[in-house]
Structure formats: structure tokens, C-alpha cells
């Protein structure tokens, strides 16, 4: 669970896509 602002920053760094690829 993550706030919108922090999640947007993580998405811009490719971290969300990377972790979603691991099943997160």
C-alpha cells in the first residue's frame, strides 16, 4: 500500500513495473 505521490515517483523510476513483474 502506497500513497499516490510516492507511487507516481516509483512508477517514473520503473520500480512499479519491475515489482509487478515479480508478482507484487
PDBML (XML) file of the C-alpha atoms, coordinates in Angstrom:
<?xml version="1.0" encoding="UTF-8" ?>
<PDBx:datablock datablockName="MODEL"
   xmlns:PDBx="http://pdbml.pdb.org/schema/pdbx-v50.xsd"
   xmlns:xsi="http://www.w3.org/2001/XMLSchema-instance"
   xsi:schemaLocation="http://pdbml.pdb.org/schema/pdbx-v50.xsd pdbx-v50.xsd">
   <PDBx:atom_siteCategory>
      <PDBx:atom_site id="1">
         <PDBx:B_iso_or_equiv>0.00</PDBx:B_iso_or_equiv>
         <PDBx:Cartn_x>0.000</PDBx:Cartn_x>
         <PDBx:Cartn_y>0.000</PDBx:Cartn_y>
         <PDBx:Cartn_z>0.000</PDBx:Cartn_z>
         <PDBx:auth_asym_id>A</PDBx:auth_asym_id>
         <PDBx:auth_atom_id>CA</PDBx:auth_atom_id>
         <PDBx:auth_comp_id>UNK</PDBx:auth_comp_id>
         <PDBx:auth_seq_id>1</PDBx:auth_seq_id>
         <PDBx:group_PDB>ATOM</PDBx:group_PDB>
         <PDBx:label_alt_id xsi:nil="true" />
         <PDBx:label_asym_id>A</PDBx:label_asym_id>
         <PDBx:label_atom_id>CA</PDBx:label_atom_id>
         <PDBx:label_comp_id>UNK</PDBx:label_comp_id>
         <PDBx:label_entity_id>1</PDBx:label_entity_id>
         <PDBx:label_seq_id>1</PDBx:label_seq_id>
         <PDBx:occupancy>1.00</PDBx:occupancy>
         <PDBx:pdbx_PDB_model_num>1</PDBx:pdbx_PDB_model_num>
         <PDBx:type_symbol>C</PDBx:type_symbol>
      </PDBx:atom_site>
      <PDBx:atom_site id="2">
         <PDBx:B_iso_or_equiv>0.00</PDBx:B_iso_or_equiv>
         <PDBx:Cartn_x>1.441</PDBx:Cartn_x>
         <PDBx:Cartn_y>3.327</PDBx:Cartn_y>
         <PDBx:Cartn_z>-1.098</PDBx:Cartn_z>
         <PDBx:auth_asym_id>A</PDBx:auth_asym_id>
         <PDBx:auth_atom_id>CA</PDBx:auth_atom_id>
         <PDBx:auth_comp_id>UNK</PDBx:auth_comp_id>
         <PDBx:auth_seq_id>2</PDBx:auth_seq_id>
         <PDBx:group_PDB>ATOM</PDBx:group_PDB>
         <PDBx:label_alt_id xsi:nil="true" />
         <PDBx:label_asym_id>A</PDBx:label_asym_id>
         <PDBx:label_atom_id>CA</PDBx:label_atom_id>
         <PDBx:label_comp_id>UNK</PDBx:label_comp_id>
         <PDBx:label_entity_id>1</PDBx:label_entity_id>
         <PDBx:label_seq_id>2</PDBx:label_seq_id>
         <PDBx:occupancy>1.00</PDBx:occupancy>
         <PDBx:pdbx_PDB_model_num>1</PDBx:pdbx_PDB_model_num>
         <PDBx:type_symbol>C</PDBx:type_symbol>
      </PDBx:atom_site>
      <PDBx:atom_site id="3">
         <PDBx:B_iso_or_equiv>0.00</PDBx:B_iso_or_equiv>
         <PDBx:Cartn_x>0.442</PDBx:Cartn_x>
         <PDBx:Cartn_y>6.962</PDBx:Cartn_y>
         <PDBx:Cartn_z>-1.314</PDBx:Cartn_z>
         <PDBx:auth_asym_id>A</PDBx:auth_asym_id>
         <PDBx:auth_atom_id>CA</PDBx:auth_atom_id>
         <PDBx:auth_comp_id>UNK</PDBx:auth_comp_id>
         <PDBx:auth_seq_id>3</PDBx:auth_seq_id>
         <PDBx:group_PDB>ATOM</PDBx:group_PDB>
         <PDBx:label_alt_id xsi:nil="true" />
         <PDBx:label_asym_id>A</PDBx:label_asym_id>
         <PDBx:label_atom_id>CA</PDBx:label_atom_id>
         <PDBx:label_comp_id>UNK</PDBx:label_comp_id>
         <PDBx:label_entity_id>1</PDBx:label_entity_id>
         <PDBx:label_seq_id>3</PDBx:label_seq_id>
         <PDBx:occupancy>1.00</PDBx:occupancy>
         <PDBx:pdbx_PDB_model_num>1</PDBx:pdbx_PDB_model_num>
         <PDBx:type_symbol>C</PDBx:type_symbol>
      </PDBx:atom_site>
      <PDBx:atom_site id="4">
         <PDBx:B_iso_or_equiv>0.00</PDBx:B_iso_or_equiv>
         <PDBx:Cartn_x>-0.335</PDBx:Cartn_x>
         <PDBx:Cartn_y>8.387</PDBx:Cartn_y>
         <PDBx:Cartn_z>-4.728</PDBx:Cartn_z>
         <PDBx:auth_asym_id>A</PDBx:auth_asym_id>
         <PDBx:auth_atom_id>CA</PDBx:auth_atom_id>
         <PDBx:auth_comp_id>UNK</PDBx:auth_comp_id>
         <PDBx:auth_seq_id>4</PDBx:auth_seq_id>
         <PDBx:group_PDB>ATOM</PDBx:group_PDB>
         <PDBx:label_alt_id xsi:nil="true" />
         <PDBx:label_asym_id>A</PDBx:label_asym_id>
         <PDBx:label_atom_id>CA</PDBx:label_atom_id>
         <PDBx:label_comp_id>UNK</PDBx:label_comp_id>
         <PDBx:label_entity_id>1</PDBx:label_entity_id>
         <PDBx:label_seq_id>4</PDBx:label_seq_id>
         <PDBx:occupancy>1.00</PDBx:occupancy>
         <PDBx:pdbx_PDB_model_num>1</PDBx:pdbx_PDB_model_num>
         <PDBx:type_symbol>C</PDBx:type_symbol>
      </PDBx:atom_site>
      <PDBx:atom_site id="5">
         <PDBx:B_iso_or_equiv>0.00</PDBx:B_iso_or_equiv>
         <PDBx:Cartn_x>2.613</PDBx:Cartn_x>
         <PDBx:Cartn_y>10.789</PDBx:Cartn_y>
         <PDBx:Cartn_z>-4.817</PDBx:Cartn_z>
         <PDBx:auth_asym_id>A</PDBx:auth_asym_id>
         <PDBx:auth_atom_id>CA</PDBx:auth_atom_id>
         <PDBx:auth_comp_id>UNK</PDBx:auth_comp_id>
         <PDBx:auth_seq_id>5</PDBx:auth_seq_id>
         <PDBx:group_PDB>ATOM</PDBx:group_PDB>
         <PDBx:label_alt_id xsi:nil="true" />
         <PDBx:label_asym_id>A</PDBx:label_asym_id>
         <PDBx:label_atom_id>CA</PDBx:label_atom_id>
         <PDBx:label_comp_id>UNK</PDBx:label_comp_id>
         <PDBx:label_entity_id>1</PDBx:label_entity_id>
         <PDBx:label_seq_id>5</PDBx:label_seq_id>
         <PDBx:occupancy>1.00</PDBx:occupancy>
         <PDBx:pdbx_PDB_model_num>1</PDBx:pdbx_PDB_model_num>
         <PDBx:type_symbol>C</PDBx:type_symbol>
      </PDBx:atom_site>
      <PDBx:atom_site id="6">
         <PDBx:B_iso_or_equiv>0.00</PDBx:B_iso_or_equiv>
         <PDBx:Cartn_x>5.194</PDBx:Cartn_x>
         <PDBx:Cartn_y>8.173</PDBx:Cartn_y>
         <PDBx:Cartn_z>-3.820</PDBx:Cartn_z>
         <PDBx:auth_asym_id>A</PDBx:auth_asym_id>
         <PDBx:auth_atom_id>CA</PDBx:auth_atom_id>
         <PDBx:auth_comp_id>UNK</PDBx:auth_comp_id>
         <PDBx:auth_seq_id>6</PDBx:auth_seq_id>
         <PDBx:group_PDB>ATOM</PDBx:group_PDB>
         <PDBx:label_alt_id xsi:nil="true" />
         <PDBx:label_asym_id>A</PDBx:label_asym_id>
         <PDBx:label_atom_id>CA</PDBx:label_atom_id>
         <PDBx:label_comp_id>UNK</PDBx:label_comp_id>
         <PDBx:label_entity_id>1</PDBx:label_entity_id>
         <PDBx:label_seq_id>6</PDBx:label_seq_id>
         <PDBx:occupancy>1.00</PDBx:occupancy>
         <PDBx:pdbx_PDB_model_num>1</PDBx:pdbx_PDB_model_num>
         <PDBx:type_symbol>C</PDBx:type_symbol>
      </PDBx:atom_site>
      <PDBx:atom_site id="7">
         <PDBx:B_iso_or_equiv>0.00</PDBx:B_iso_or_equiv>
         <PDBx:Cartn_x>3.697</PDBx:Cartn_x>
         <PDBx:Cartn_y>5.605</PDBx:Cartn_y>
         <PDBx:Cartn_z>-6.182</PDBx:Cartn_z>
         <PDBx:auth_asym_id>A</PDBx:auth_asym_id>
         <PDBx:auth_atom_id>CA</PDBx:auth_atom_id>
         <PDBx:auth_comp_id>UNK</PDBx:auth_comp_id>
         <PDBx:auth_seq_id>7</PDBx:auth_seq_id>
         <PDBx:group_PDB>ATOM</PDBx:group_PDB>
         <PDBx:label_alt_id xsi:nil="true" />
         <PDBx:label_asym_id>A</PDBx:label_asym_id>
         <PDBx:label_atom_id>CA</PDBx:label_atom_id>
         <PDBx:label_comp_id>UNK</PDBx:label_comp_id>
         <PDBx:label_entity_id>1</PDBx:label_entity_id>
         <PDBx:label_seq_id>7</PDBx:label_seq_id>
         <PDBx:occupancy>1.00</PDBx:occupancy>
         <PDBx:pdbx_PDB_model_num>1</PDBx:pdbx_PDB_model_num>
         <PDBx:type_symbol>C</PDBx:type_symbol>
      </PDBx:atom_site>
      <PDBx:atom_site id="8">
         <PDBx:B_iso_or_equiv>0.00</PDBx:B_iso_or_equiv>
         <PDBx:Cartn_x>3.898</PDBx:Cartn_x>
         <PDBx:Cartn_y>8.042</PDBx:Cartn_y>
         <PDBx:Cartn_z>-9.100</PDBx:Cartn_z>
         <PDBx:auth_asym_id>A</PDBx:auth_asym_id>
         <PDBx:auth_atom_id>CA</PDBx:auth_atom_id>
         <PDBx:auth_comp_id>UNK</PDBx:auth_comp_id>
         <PDBx:auth_seq_id>8</PDBx:auth_seq_id>
         <PDBx:group_PDB>ATOM</PDBx:group_PDB>
         <PDBx:label_alt_id xsi:nil="true" />
         <PDBx:label_asym_id>A</PDBx:label_asym_id>
         <PDBx:label_atom_id>CA</PDBx:label_atom_id>
         <PDBx:label_comp_id>UNK</PDBx:label_comp_id>
         <PDBx:label_entity_id>1</PDBx:label_entity_id>
         <PDBx:label_seq_id>8</PDBx:label_seq_id>
         <PDBx:occupancy>1.00</PDBx:occupancy>
         <PDBx:pdbx_PDB_model_num>1</PDBx:pdbx_PDB_model_num>
         <PDBx:type_symbol>C</PDBx:type_symbol>
      </PDBx:atom_site>
      <PDBx:atom_site id="9">
         <PDBx:B_iso_or_equiv>0.00</PDBx:B_iso_or_equiv>
         <PDBx:Cartn_x>7.579</PDBx:Cartn_x>
         <PDBx:Cartn_y>8.628</PDBx:Cartn_y>
         <PDBx:Cartn_z>-8.323</PDBx:Cartn_z>
         <PDBx:auth_asym_id>A</PDBx:auth_asym_id>
         <PDBx:auth_atom_id>CA</PDBx:auth_atom_id>
         <PDBx:auth_comp_id>UNK</PDBx:auth_comp_id>
         <PDBx:auth_seq_id>9</PDBx:auth_seq_id>
         <PDBx:group_PDB>ATOM</PDBx:group_PDB>
         <PDBx:label_alt_id xsi:nil="true" />
         <PDBx:label_asym_id>A</PDBx:label_asym_id>
         <PDBx:label_atom_id>CA</PDBx:label_atom_id>
         <PDBx:label_comp_id>UNK</PDBx:label_comp_id>
         <PDBx:label_entity_id>1</PDBx:label_entity_id>
         <PDBx:label_seq_id>9</PDBx:label_seq_id>
         <PDBx:occupancy>1.00</PDBx:occupancy>
         <PDBx:pdbx_PDB_model_num>1</PDBx:pdbx_PDB_model_num>
         <PDBx:type_symbol>C</PDBx:type_symbol>
      </PDBx:atom_site>
      <PDBx:atom_site id="10">
         <PDBx:B_iso_or_equiv>0.00</PDBx:B_iso_or_equiv>
         <PDBx:Cartn_x>8.194</PDBx:Cartn_x>
         <PDBx:Cartn_y>4.864</PDBx:Cartn_y>
         <PDBx:Cartn_z>-8.139</PDBx:Cartn_z>
         <PDBx:auth_asym_id>A</PDBx:auth_asym_id>
         <PDBx:auth_atom_id>CA</PDBx:auth_atom_id>
         <PDBx:auth_comp_id>UNK</PDBx:auth_comp_id>
         <PDBx:auth_seq_id>10</PDBx:auth_seq_id>
         <PDBx:group_PDB>ATOM</PDBx:group_PDB>
         <PDBx:label_alt_id xsi:nil="true" />
         <PDBx:label_asym_id>A</PDBx:label_asym_id>
         <PDBx:label_atom_id>CA</PDBx:label_atom_id>
         <PDBx:label_comp_id>UNK</PDBx:label_comp_id>
         <PDBx:label_entity_id>1</PDBx:label_entity_id>
         <PDBx:label_seq_id>10</PDBx:label_seq_id>
         <PDBx:occupancy>1.00</PDBx:occupancy>
         <PDBx:pdbx_PDB_model_num>1</PDBx:pdbx_PDB_model_num>
         <PDBx:type_symbol>C</PDBx:type_symbol>
      </PDBx:atom_site>
      <PDBx:atom_site id="11">
         <PDBx:B_iso_or_equiv>0.00</PDBx:B_iso_or_equiv>
         <PDBx:Cartn_x>6.422</PDBx:Cartn_x>
         <PDBx:Cartn_y>4.398</PDBx:Cartn_y>
         <PDBx:Cartn_z>-11.450</PDBx:Cartn_z>
         <PDBx:auth_asym_id>A</PDBx:auth_asym_id>
         <PDBx:auth_atom_id>CA</PDBx:auth_atom_id>
         <PDBx:auth_comp_id>UNK</PDBx:auth_comp_id>
         <PDBx:auth_seq_id>11</PDBx:auth_seq_id>
         <PDBx:group_PDB>ATOM</PDBx:group_PDB>
         <PDBx:label_alt_id xsi:nil="true" />
         <PDBx:label_asym_id>A</PDBx:label_asym_id>
         <PDBx:label_atom_id>CA</PDBx:label_atom_id>
         <PDBx:label_comp_id>UNK</PDBx:label_comp_id>
         <PDBx:label_entity_id>1</PDBx:label_entity_id>
         <PDBx:label_seq_id>11</PDBx:label_seq_id>
         <PDBx:occupancy>1.00</PDBx:occupancy>
         <PDBx:pdbx_PDB_model_num>1</PDBx:pdbx_PDB_model_num>
         <PDBx:type_symbol>C</PDBx:type_symbol>
      </PDBx:atom_site>
      <PDBx:atom_site id="12">
         <PDBx:B_iso_or_equiv>0.00</PDBx:B_iso_or_equiv>
         <PDBx:Cartn_x>8.594</PDBx:Cartn_x>
         <PDBx:Cartn_y>7.037</PDBx:Cartn_y>
         <PDBx:Cartn_z>-13.094</PDBx:Cartn_z>
         <PDBx:auth_asym_id>A</PDBx:auth_asym_id>
         <PDBx:auth_atom_id>CA</PDBx:auth_atom_id>
         <PDBx:auth_comp_id>UNK</PDBx:auth_comp_id>
         <PDBx:auth_seq_id>12</PDBx:auth_seq_id>
         <PDBx:group_PDB>ATOM</PDBx:group_PDB>
         <PDBx:label_alt_id xsi:nil="true" />
         <PDBx:label_asym_id>A</PDBx:label_asym_id>
         <PDBx:label_atom_id>CA</PDBx:label_atom_id>
         <PDBx:label_comp_id>UNK</PDBx:label_comp_id>
         <PDBx:label_entity_id>1</PDBx:label_entity_id>
         <PDBx:label_seq_id>12</PDBx:label_seq_id>
         <PDBx:occupancy>1.00</PDBx:occupancy>
         <PDBx:pdbx_PDB_model_num>1</PDBx:pdbx_PDB_model_num>
         <PDBx:type_symbol>C</PDBx:type_symbol>
      </PDBx:atom_site>
      <PDBx:atom_site id="13">
         <PDBx:B_iso_or_equiv>0.00</PDBx:B_iso_or_equiv>
         <PDBx:Cartn_x>11.703</PDBx:Cartn_x>
         <PDBx:Cartn_y>5.109</PDBx:Cartn_y>
         <PDBx:Cartn_z>-11.985</PDBx:Cartn_z>
         <PDBx:auth_asym_id>A</PDBx:auth_asym_id>
         <PDBx:auth_atom_id>CA</PDBx:auth_atom_id>
         <PDBx:auth_comp_id>UNK</PDBx:auth_comp_id>
         <PDBx:auth_seq_id>13</PDBx:auth_seq_id>
         <PDBx:group_PDB>ATOM</PDBx:group_PDB>
         <PDBx:label_alt_id xsi:nil="true" />
         <PDBx:label_asym_id>A</PDBx:label_asym_id>
         <PDBx:label_atom_id>CA</PDBx:label_atom_id>
         <PDBx:label_comp_id>UNK</PDBx:label_comp_id>
         <PDBx:label_entity_id>1</PDBx:label_entity_id>
         <PDBx:label_seq_id>13</PDBx:label_seq_id>
         <PDBx:occupancy>1.00</PDBx:occupancy>
         <PDBx:pdbx_PDB_model_num>1</PDBx:pdbx_PDB_model_num>
         <PDBx:type_symbol>C</PDBx:type_symbol>
      </PDBx:atom_site>
      <PDBx:atom_site id="14">
         <PDBx:B_iso_or_equiv>0.00</PDBx:B_iso_or_equiv>
         <PDBx:Cartn_x>10.345</PDBx:Cartn_x>
         <PDBx:Cartn_y>1.840</PDBx:Cartn_y>
         <PDBx:Cartn_z>-13.357</PDBx:Cartn_z>
         <PDBx:auth_asym_id>A</PDBx:auth_asym_id>
         <PDBx:auth_atom_id>CA</PDBx:auth_atom_id>
         <PDBx:auth_comp_id>UNK</PDBx:auth_comp_id>
         <PDBx:auth_seq_id>14</PDBx:auth_seq_id>
         <PDBx:group_PDB>ATOM</PDBx:group_PDB>
         <PDBx:label_alt_id xsi:nil="true" />
         <PDBx:label_asym_id>A</PDBx:label_asym_id>
         <PDBx:label_atom_id>CA</PDBx:label_atom_id>
         <PDBx:label_comp_id>UNK</PDBx:label_comp_id>
         <PDBx:label_entity_id>1</PDBx:label_entity_id>
         <PDBx:label_seq_id>14</PDBx:label_seq_id>
         <PDBx:occupancy>1.00</PDBx:occupancy>
         <PDBx:pdbx_PDB_model_num>1</PDBx:pdbx_PDB_model_num>
         <PDBx:type_symbol>C</PDBx:type_symbol>
      </PDBx:atom_site>
      <PDBx:atom_site id="15">
         <PDBx:B_iso_or_equiv>0.00</PDBx:B_iso_or_equiv>
         <PDBx:Cartn_x>10.132</PDBx:Cartn_x>
         <PDBx:Cartn_y>0.290</PDBx:Cartn_y>
         <PDBx:Cartn_z>-9.891</PDBx:Cartn_z>
         <PDBx:auth_asym_id>A</PDBx:auth_asym_id>
         <PDBx:auth_atom_id>CA</PDBx:auth_atom_id>
         <PDBx:auth_comp_id>UNK</PDBx:auth_comp_id>
         <PDBx:auth_seq_id>15</PDBx:auth_seq_id>
         <PDBx:group_PDB>ATOM</PDBx:group_PDB>
         <PDBx:label_alt_id xsi:nil="true" />
         <PDBx:label_asym_id>A</PDBx:label_asym_id>
         <PDBx:label_atom_id>CA</PDBx:label_atom_id>
         <PDBx:label_comp_id>UNK</PDBx:label_comp_id>
         <PDBx:label_entity_id>1</PDBx:label_entity_id>
         <PDBx:label_seq_id>15</PDBx:label_seq_id>
         <PDBx:occupancy>1.00</PDBx:occupancy>
         <PDBx:pdbx_PDB_model_num>1</PDBx:pdbx_PDB_model_num>
         <PDBx:type_symbol>C</PDBx:type_symbol>
      </PDBx:atom_site>
      <PDBx:atom_site id="16">
         <PDBx:B_iso_or_equiv>0.00</PDBx:B_iso_or_equiv>
         <PDBx:Cartn_x>6.412</PDBx:Cartn_x>
         <PDBx:Cartn_y>-0.434</PDBx:Cartn_y>
         <PDBx:Cartn_z>-10.010</PDBx:Cartn_z>
         <PDBx:auth_asym_id>A</PDBx:auth_asym_id>
         <PDBx:auth_atom_id>CA</PDBx:auth_atom_id>
         <PDBx:auth_comp_id>UNK</PDBx:auth_comp_id>
         <PDBx:auth_seq_id>16</PDBx:auth_seq_id>
         <PDBx:group_PDB>ATOM</PDBx:group_PDB>
         <PDBx:label_alt_id xsi:nil="true" />
         <PDBx:label_asym_id>A</PDBx:label_asym_id>
         <PDBx:label_atom_id>CA</PDBx:label_atom_id>
         <PDBx:label_comp_id>UNK</PDBx:label_comp_id>
         <PDBx:label_entity_id>1</PDBx:label_entity_id>
         <PDBx:label_seq_id>16</PDBx:label_seq_id>
         <PDBx:occupancy>1.00</PDBx:occupancy>
         <PDBx:pdbx_PDB_model_num>1</PDBx:pdbx_PDB_model_num>
         <PDBx:type_symbol>C</PDBx:type_symbol>
      </PDBx:atom_site>
      <PDBx:atom_site id="17">
         <PDBx:B_iso_or_equiv>0.00</PDBx:B_iso_or_equiv>
         <PDBx:Cartn_x>6.712</PDBx:Cartn_x>
         <PDBx:Cartn_y>-2.268</PDBx:Cartn_y>
         <PDBx:Cartn_z>-13.329</PDBx:Cartn_z>
         <PDBx:auth_asym_id>A</PDBx:auth_asym_id>
         <PDBx:auth_atom_id>CA</PDBx:auth_atom_id>
         <PDBx:auth_comp_id>UNK</PDBx:auth_comp_id>
         <PDBx:auth_seq_id>17</PDBx:auth_seq_id>
         <PDBx:group_PDB>ATOM</PDBx:group_PDB>
         <PDBx:label_alt_id xsi:nil="true" />
         <PDBx:label_asym_id>A</PDBx:label_asym_id>
         <PDBx:label_atom_id>CA</PDBx:label_atom_id>
         <PDBx:label_comp_id>UNK</PDBx:label_comp_id>
         <PDBx:label_entity_id>1</PDBx:label_entity_id>
         <PDBx:label_seq_id>17</PDBx:label_seq_id>
         <PDBx:occupancy>1.00</PDBx:occupancy>
         <PDBx:pdbx_PDB_model_num>1</PDBx:pdbx_PDB_model_num>
         <PDBx:type_symbol>C</PDBx:type_symbol>
      </PDBx:atom_site>
      <PDBx:atom_site id="18">
         <PDBx:B_iso_or_equiv>0.00</PDBx:B_iso_or_equiv>
         <PDBx:Cartn_x>9.722</PDBx:Cartn_x>
         <PDBx:Cartn_y>-4.229</PDBx:Cartn_y>
         <PDBx:Cartn_z>-12.063</PDBx:Cartn_z>
         <PDBx:auth_asym_id>A</PDBx:auth_asym_id>
         <PDBx:auth_atom_id>CA</PDBx:auth_atom_id>
         <PDBx:auth_comp_id>UNK</PDBx:auth_comp_id>
         <PDBx:auth_seq_id>18</PDBx:auth_seq_id>
         <PDBx:group_PDB>ATOM</PDBx:group_PDB>
         <PDBx:label_alt_id xsi:nil="true" />
         <PDBx:label_asym_id>A</PDBx:label_asym_id>
         <PDBx:label_atom_id>CA</PDBx:label_atom_id>
         <PDBx:label_comp_id>UNK</PDBx:label_comp_id>
         <PDBx:label_entity_id>1</PDBx:label_entity_id>
         <PDBx:label_seq_id>18</PDBx:label_seq_id>
         <PDBx:occupancy>1.00</PDBx:occupancy>
         <PDBx:pdbx_PDB_model_num>1</PDBx:pdbx_PDB_model_num>
         <PDBx:type_symbol>C</PDBx:type_symbol>
      </PDBx:atom_site>
      <PDBx:atom_site id="19">
         <PDBx:B_iso_or_equiv>0.00</PDBx:B_iso_or_equiv>
         <PDBx:Cartn_x>7.962</PDBx:Cartn_x>
         <PDBx:Cartn_y>-5.360</PDBx:Cartn_y>
         <PDBx:Cartn_z>-8.892</PDBx:Cartn_z>
         <PDBx:auth_asym_id>A</PDBx:auth_asym_id>
         <PDBx:auth_atom_id>CA</PDBx:auth_atom_id>
         <PDBx:auth_comp_id>UNK</PDBx:auth_comp_id>
         <PDBx:auth_seq_id>19</PDBx:auth_seq_id>
         <PDBx:group_PDB>ATOM</PDBx:group_PDB>
         <PDBx:label_alt_id xsi:nil="true" />
         <PDBx:label_asym_id>A</PDBx:label_asym_id>
         <PDBx:label_atom_id>CA</PDBx:label_atom_id>
         <PDBx:label_comp_id>UNK</PDBx:label_comp_id>
         <PDBx:label_entity_id>1</PDBx:label_entity_id>
         <PDBx:label_seq_id>19</PDBx:label_seq_id>
         <PDBx:occupancy>1.00</PDBx:occupancy>
         <PDBx:pdbx_PDB_model_num>1</PDBx:pdbx_PDB_model_num>
         <PDBx:type_symbol>C</PDBx:type_symbol>
      </PDBx:atom_site>
      <PDBx:atom_site id="20">
         <PDBx:B_iso_or_equiv>0.00</PDBx:B_iso_or_equiv>
         <PDBx:Cartn_x>4.719</PDBx:Cartn_x>
         <PDBx:Cartn_y>-6.107</PDBx:Cartn_y>
         <PDBx:Cartn_z>-10.714</PDBx:Cartn_z>
         <PDBx:auth_asym_id>A</PDBx:auth_asym_id>
         <PDBx:auth_atom_id>CA</PDBx:auth_atom_id>
         <PDBx:auth_comp_id>UNK</PDBx:auth_comp_id>
         <PDBx:auth_seq_id>20</PDBx:auth_seq_id>
         <PDBx:group_PDB>ATOM</PDBx:group_PDB>
         <PDBx:label_alt_id xsi:nil="true" />
         <PDBx:label_asym_id>A</PDBx:label_asym_id>
         <PDBx:label_atom_id>CA</PDBx:label_atom_id>
         <PDBx:label_comp_id>UNK</PDBx:label_comp_id>
         <PDBx:label_entity_id>1</PDBx:label_entity_id>
         <PDBx:label_seq_id>20</PDBx:label_seq_id>
         <PDBx:occupancy>1.00</PDBx:occupancy>
         <PDBx:pdbx_PDB_model_num>1</PDBx:pdbx_PDB_model_num>
         <PDBx:type_symbol>C</PDBx:type_symbol>
      </PDBx:atom_site>
      <PDBx:atom_site id="21">
         <PDBx:B_iso_or_equiv>0.00</PDBx:B_iso_or_equiv>
         <PDBx:Cartn_x>6.808</PDBx:Cartn_x>
         <PDBx:Cartn_y>-8.355</PDBx:Cartn_y>
         <PDBx:Cartn_z>-12.932</PDBx:Cartn_z>
         <PDBx:auth_asym_id>A</PDBx:auth_asym_id>
         <PDBx:auth_atom_id>CA</PDBx:auth_atom_id>
         <PDBx:auth_comp_id>UNK</PDBx:auth_comp_id>
         <PDBx:auth_seq_id>21</PDBx:auth_seq_id>
         <PDBx:group_PDB>ATOM</PDBx:group_PDB>
         <PDBx:label_alt_id xsi:nil="true" />
         <PDBx:label_asym_id>A</PDBx:label_asym_id>
         <PDBx:label_atom_id>CA</PDBx:label_atom_id>
         <PDBx:label_comp_id>UNK</PDBx:label_comp_id>
         <PDBx:label_entity_id>1</PDBx:label_entity_id>
         <PDBx:label_seq_id>21</PDBx:label_seq_id>
         <PDBx:occupancy>1.00</PDBx:occupancy>
         <PDBx:pdbx_PDB_model_num>1</PDBx:pdbx_PDB_model_num>
         <PDBx:type_symbol>C</PDBx:type_symbol>
      </PDBx:atom_site>
      <PDBx:atom_site id="22">
         <PDBx:B_iso_or_equiv>0.00</PDBx:B_iso_or_equiv>
         <PDBx:Cartn_x>7.808</PDBx:Cartn_x>
         <PDBx:Cartn_y>-10.239</PDBx:Cartn_y>
         <PDBx:Cartn_z>-9.784</PDBx:Cartn_z>
         <PDBx:auth_asym_id>A</PDBx:auth_asym_id>
         <PDBx:auth_atom_id>CA</PDBx:auth_atom_id>
         <PDBx:auth_comp_id>UNK</PDBx:auth_comp_id>
         <PDBx:auth_seq_id>22</PDBx:auth_seq_id>
         <PDBx:group_PDB>ATOM</PDBx:group_PDB>
         <PDBx:label_alt_id xsi:nil="true" />
         <PDBx:label_asym_id>A</PDBx:label_asym_id>
         <PDBx:label_atom_id>CA</PDBx:label_atom_id>
         <PDBx:label_comp_id>UNK</PDBx:label_comp_id>
         <PDBx:label_entity_id>1</PDBx:label_entity_id>
         <PDBx:label_seq_id>22</PDBx:label_seq_id>
         <PDBx:occupancy>1.00</PDBx:occupancy>
         <PDBx:pdbx_PDB_model_num>1</PDBx:pdbx_PDB_model_num>
         <PDBx:type_symbol>C</PDBx:type_symbol>
      </PDBx:atom_site>
      <PDBx:atom_site id="23">
         <PDBx:B_iso_or_equiv>0.00</PDBx:B_iso_or_equiv>
         <PDBx:Cartn_x>4.132</PDBx:Cartn_x>
         <PDBx:Cartn_y>-10.674</PDBx:Cartn_y>
         <PDBx:Cartn_z>-8.880</PDBx:Cartn_z>
         <PDBx:auth_asym_id>A</PDBx:auth_asym_id>
         <PDBx:auth_atom_id>CA</PDBx:auth_atom_id>
         <PDBx:auth_comp_id>UNK</PDBx:auth_comp_id>
         <PDBx:auth_seq_id>23</PDBx:auth_seq_id>
         <PDBx:group_PDB>ATOM</PDBx:group_PDB>
         <PDBx:label_alt_id xsi:nil="true" />
         <PDBx:label_asym_id>A</PDBx:label_asym_id>
         <PDBx:label_atom_id>CA</PDBx:label_atom_id>
         <PDBx:label_comp_id>UNK</PDBx:label_comp_id>
         <PDBx:label_entity_id>1</PDBx:label_entity_id>
         <PDBx:label_seq_id>23</PDBx:label_seq_id>
         <PDBx:occupancy>1.00</PDBx:occupancy>
         <PDBx:pdbx_PDB_model_num>1</PDBx:pdbx_PDB_model_num>
         <PDBx:type_symbol>C</PDBx:type_symbol>
      </PDBx:atom_site>
      <PDBx:atom_site id="24">
         <PDBx:B_iso_or_equiv>0.00</PDBx:B_iso_or_equiv>
         <PDBx:Cartn_x>3.856</PDBx:Cartn_x>
         <PDBx:Cartn_y>-7.776</PDBx:Cartn_y>
         <PDBx:Cartn_z>-6.431</PDBx:Cartn_z>
         <PDBx:auth_asym_id>A</PDBx:auth_asym_id>
         <PDBx:auth_atom_id>CA</PDBx:auth_atom_id>
         <PDBx:auth_comp_id>UNK</PDBx:auth_comp_id>
         <PDBx:auth_seq_id>24</PDBx:auth_seq_id>
         <PDBx:group_PDB>ATOM</PDBx:group_PDB>
         <PDBx:label_alt_id xsi:nil="true" />
         <PDBx:label_asym_id>A</PDBx:label_asym_id>
         <PDBx:label_atom_id>CA</PDBx:label_atom_id>
         <PDBx:label_comp_id>UNK</PDBx:label_comp_id>
         <PDBx:label_entity_id>1</PDBx:label_entity_id>
         <PDBx:label_seq_id>24</PDBx:label_seq_id>
         <PDBx:occupancy>1.00</PDBx:occupancy>
         <PDBx:pdbx_PDB_model_num>1</PDBx:pdbx_PDB_model_num>
         <PDBx:type_symbol>C</PDBx:type_symbol>
      </PDBx:atom_site>
   </PDBx:atom_siteCategory>
</PDBx:datablock>
